C-alpha atoms as a PDB file:
ATOM      1  CA  UNK A   1     -30.890 -45.500-251.547  1.00  0.00           C
ATOM      2  CA  UNK A   2     -33.588 -46.506-249.205  1.00  0.00           C
ATOM      3  CA  UNK A   3     -33.107 -50.042-248.045  1.00  0.00           C
ATOM      4  CA  UNK A   4     -35.874 -52.325-248.847  1.00  0.00           C
ATOM      5  CA  UNK A   5     -37.012 -52.781-245.052  1.00  0.00           C
ATOM      6  CA  UNK A   6     -38.231 -48.428-245.969  1.00  0.00           C
ATOM      7  CA  UNK A   7     -39.656 -49.285-249.199  1.00  0.00           C
ATOM      8  CA  UNK A   8     -41.293 -52.074-247.462  1.00  0.00           C
ATOM      9  CA  UNK A   9     -42.733 -49.309-244.884  1.00  0.00           C
ATOM     10  CA  UNK A  10     -43.466 -46.628-247.614  1.00  0.00           C
ATOM     11  CA  UNK A  11     -45.345 -49.552-249.440  1.00  0.00           C
ATOM     12  CA  UNK A  12     -47.299 -50.597-245.562  1.00  0.00           C
ATOM     13  CA  UNK A  13     -47.833 -47.081-244.777  1.00  0.00           C
ATOM     14  CA  UNK A  14     -49.324 -45.859-248.099  1.00  0.00           C
ATOM     15  CA  UNK A  15     -52.018 -49.607-248.364  1.00  0.00           C
ATOM     16  CA  UNK A  16     -53.002 -48.276-245.001  1.00  0.00           C
ATOM     17  CA  UNK A  17     -54.047 -45.299-246.692  1.00  0.00           C
ATOM     18  CA  UNK A  18     -55.978 -46.275-249.825  1.00  0.00           C
ATOM     19  CA  UNK A  19     -57.370 -48.829-246.866  1.00  0.00           C
ATOM     20  CA  UNK A  20     -58.798 -45.771-244.700  1.00  0.00           C
ATOM     21  CA  UNK A  21     -59.737 -44.106-248.010  1.00  0.00           C
ATOM     22  CA  UNK A  22     -61.394 -47.001-249.036  1.00  0.00           C
ATOM     23  CA  UNK A  23     -63.445 -47.454-245.846  1.00  0.00           C
ATOM     24  CA  UNK A  24     -64.544 -44.158-245.858  1.00  0.00           C
ATOM     25  CA  UNK A  25     -66.024 -44.131-249.660  1.00  0.00           C
ATOM     26  CA  UNK A  26     -67.474 -47.364-248.197  1.00  0.00           C
ATOM     27  CA  UNK A  27     -69.283 -44.779-245.616  1.00  0.00           C
ATOM     28  CA  UNK A  28     -69.745 -42.434-247.852  1.00  0.00           C
ATOM     29  CA  UNK A  29     -71.592 -44.930-250.110  1.00  0.00           C
ATOM     30  CA  UNK A  30     -73.784 -46.421-247.381  1.00  0.00           C
ATOM     31  CA  UNK A  31     -74.596 -42.661-245.873  1.00  0.00           C
ATOM     32  CA  UNK A  32     -75.775 -42.475-249.775  1.00  0.00           C
ATOM     33  CA  UNK A  33     -77.582 -45.531-249.986  1.00  0.00           C
ATOM     34  CA  UNK A  34     -79.791 -44.513-247.105  1.00  0.00           C
ATOM     35  CA  UNK A  35     -79.893 -41.479-248.435  1.00  0.00           C
ATOM     36  CA  UNK A  36     -81.767 -42.577-251.575  1.00  0.00           C
ATOM     37  CA  UNK A  37     -83.701 -44.532-249.765  1.00  0.00           C
ATOM     38  CA  UNK A  38     -84.918 -41.536-248.052  1.00  0.00           C
ATOM     39  CA  UNK A  39     -86.491 -39.707-251.211  1.00  0.00           C
ATOM     40  CA  UNK A  40     -88.375 -43.232-252.190  1.00  0.00           C
ATOM     41  CA  UNK A  41     -90.016 -43.486-248.945  1.00  0.00           C
ATOM     42  CA  UNK A  42     -90.697 -39.376-249.520  1.00  0.00           C
ATOM     43  CA  UNK A  43     -91.865 -39.766-253.223  1.00  0.00           C
ATOM     44  CA  UNK A  44     -93.850 -43.313-252.296  1.00  0.00           C
ATOM     45  CA  UNK A  45     -95.470 -40.368-249.863  1.00  0.00           C
ATOM     46  CA  UNK A  46     -96.265 -37.892-252.348  1.00  0.00           C
ATOM     47  CA  UNK A  47     -97.524 -40.795-255.038  1.00  0.00           C
ATOM     48  CA  UNK A  48     -99.849 -41.701-252.638  1.00  0.00           C
ATOM     49  CA  UNK A  49    -101.097 -38.471-251.245  1.00  0.00           C
ATOM     50  CA  UNK A  50    -101.235 -37.269-255.101  1.00  0.00           C
ATOM     51  CA  UNK A  51    -103.440 -41.359-255.608  1.00  0.00           C
ATOM     52  CA  UNK A  52    -105.899 -39.975-253.337  1.00  0.00           C
ATOM     53  CA  UNK A  53    -105.957 -36.642-254.660  1.00  0.00           C
ATOM     54  CA  UNK A  54    -107.029 -38.031-257.889  1.00  0.00           C
ATOM     55  CA  UNK A  55    -109.758 -40.080-256.219  1.00  0.00           C
ATOM     56  CA  UNK A  56    -111.368 -37.276-253.948  1.00  0.00           C
ATOM     57  CA  UNK A  57    -111.237 -35.701-257.715  1.00  0.00           C
ATOM     58  CA  UNK A  58    -112.319 -37.838-259.661  1.00  0.00           C
ATOM     59  CA  UNK A  59    -116.136 -38.911-256.793  1.00  0.00           C
ATOM     60  CA  UNK A  60    -116.134 -34.792-257.215  1.00  0.00           C
ATOM     61  CA  UNK A  61    -116.497 -35.374-260.909  1.00  0.00           C
ATOM     62  CA  UNK A  62    -119.008 -37.811-260.654  1.00  0.00           C
ATOM     63  CA  UNK A  63    -120.988 -36.243-258.681  1.00  0.00           C
ATOM     64  CA  UNK A  64    -120.827 -32.684-260.994  1.00  0.00           C
ATOM     65  CA  UNK A  65    -121.980 -35.137-263.141  1.00  0.00           C
ATOM     66  CA  UNK A  66    -124.995 -36.680-262.037  1.00  0.00           C
ATOM     67  CA  UNK A  67    -125.377 -32.908-261.242  1.00  0.00           C
ATOM     68  CA  UNK A  68    -125.281 -31.626-265.200  1.00  0.00           C
ATOM     69  CA  UNK A  69    -127.308 -35.577-265.711  1.00  0.00           C
ATOM     70  CA  UNK A  70    -130.098 -33.950-263.243  1.00  0.00           C
ATOM     71  CA  UNK A  71    -130.548 -30.949-264.621  1.00  0.00           C
ATOM     72  CA  UNK A  72    -130.215 -32.375-268.572  1.00  0.00           C
ATOM     73  CA  UNK A  73    -133.443 -34.402-267.085  1.00  0.00           C
ATOM     74  CA  UNK A  74    -135.566 -31.433-266.007  1.00  0.00           C
ATOM     75  CA  UNK A  75    -134.359 -29.663-269.126  1.00  0.00           C
ATOM     76  CA  UNK A  76    -136.253 -32.400-271.172  1.00  0.00           C
ATOM     77  CA  UNK A  77    -139.486 -32.483-268.770  1.00  0.00           C
ATOM     78  CA  UNK A  78    -139.254 -28.496-269.520  1.00  0.00           C
ATOM     79  CA  UNK A  79    -139.036 -29.560-272.997  1.00  0.00           C
ATOM     80  CA  UNK A  80    -141.718 -31.809-273.180  1.00  0.00           C
ATOM     81  CA  UNK A  81    -144.661 -29.368-271.215  1.00  0.00           C
ATOM     82  CA  UNK A  82    -143.299 -26.493-273.716  1.00  0.00           C
ATOM     83  CA  UNK A  83    -143.997 -28.963-276.297  1.00  0.00           C
ATOM     84  CA  UNK A  84    -147.615 -29.973-274.679  1.00  0.00           C
ATOM     85  CA  UNK A  85    -148.291 -26.105-273.599  1.00  0.00           C
ATOM     86  CA  UNK A  86    -147.717 -25.395-277.454  1.00  0.00           C
ATOM     87  CA  UNK A  87    -150.432 -28.001-278.946  1.00  0.00           C
ATOM     88  CA  UNK A  88    -152.969 -26.375-276.565  1.00  0.00           C
ATOM     89  CA  UNK A  89    -152.473 -22.879-277.755  1.00  0.00           C
ATOM     90  CA  UNK A  90    -152.512 -23.796-281.221  1.00  0.00           C
ATOM     91  CA  UNK A  91    -155.209 -26.605-280.447  1.00  0.00           C
ATOM     92  CA  UNK A  92    -157.508 -22.827-278.970  1.00  0.00           C
ATOM     93  CA  UNK A  93    -156.454 -21.281-281.276  1.00  0.00           C
ATOM     94  CA  UNK A  94    -157.586 -23.071-284.239  1.00  0.00           C
ATOM     95  CA  UNK A  95    -161.092 -23.716-282.483  1.00  0.00           C
ATOM     96  CA  UNK A  96    -161.246 -20.301-281.623  1.00  0.00           C
ATOM     97  CA  UNK A  97    -160.964 -18.990-285.838  1.00  0.00           C
ATOM     98  CA  UNK A  98    -163.125 -21.974-286.605  1.00  0.00           C
ATOM     99  CA  UNK A  99    -165.985 -20.594-283.826  1.00  0.00           C
ATOM    100  CA  UNK A 100    -164.723 -17.345-285.606  1.00  0.00           C
ATOM    101  CA  UNK A 101    -165.645 -18.121-289.300  1.00  0.00           C
ATOM    102  CA  UNK A 102    -168.980 -20.143-288.196  1.00  0.00           C
ATOM    103  CA  UNK A 103    -169.917 -17.261-286.623  1.00  0.00           C
ATOM    104  CA  UNK A 104    -169.783 -14.851-289.592  1.00  0.00           C
ATOM    105  CA  UNK A 105    -170.445 -16.881-292.314  1.00  0.00           C
ATOM    106  CA  UNK A 106    -174.045 -17.828-289.877  1.00  0.00           C
ATOM    107  CA  UNK A 107    -174.599 -13.653-289.840  1.00  0.00           C
ATOM    108  CA  UNK A 108    -174.031 -13.745-293.868  1.00  0.00           C
END
């Protein structure tokens, strides 16, 4: 059977091993924390890039919307012009019809 001193020395050895294991675990946790911080920084940079991309896309969509508004105004102007021309054509045709009917009635 082991003596008391041997048993105490064995327990002290076991405690020293556990202390080293805990220190190693602390270092690992510290390293994991640092890695997580680096990942967080990368995610923040990606978020910033995405925000800039979103802003650029919004600006381009707004520019396209402005172009479509300009085209809409042009179509409205063309439509109004065609309406006026149609009225002129119909007016000229009615005037011509009246002149032809008048000429036919005056000969008859």
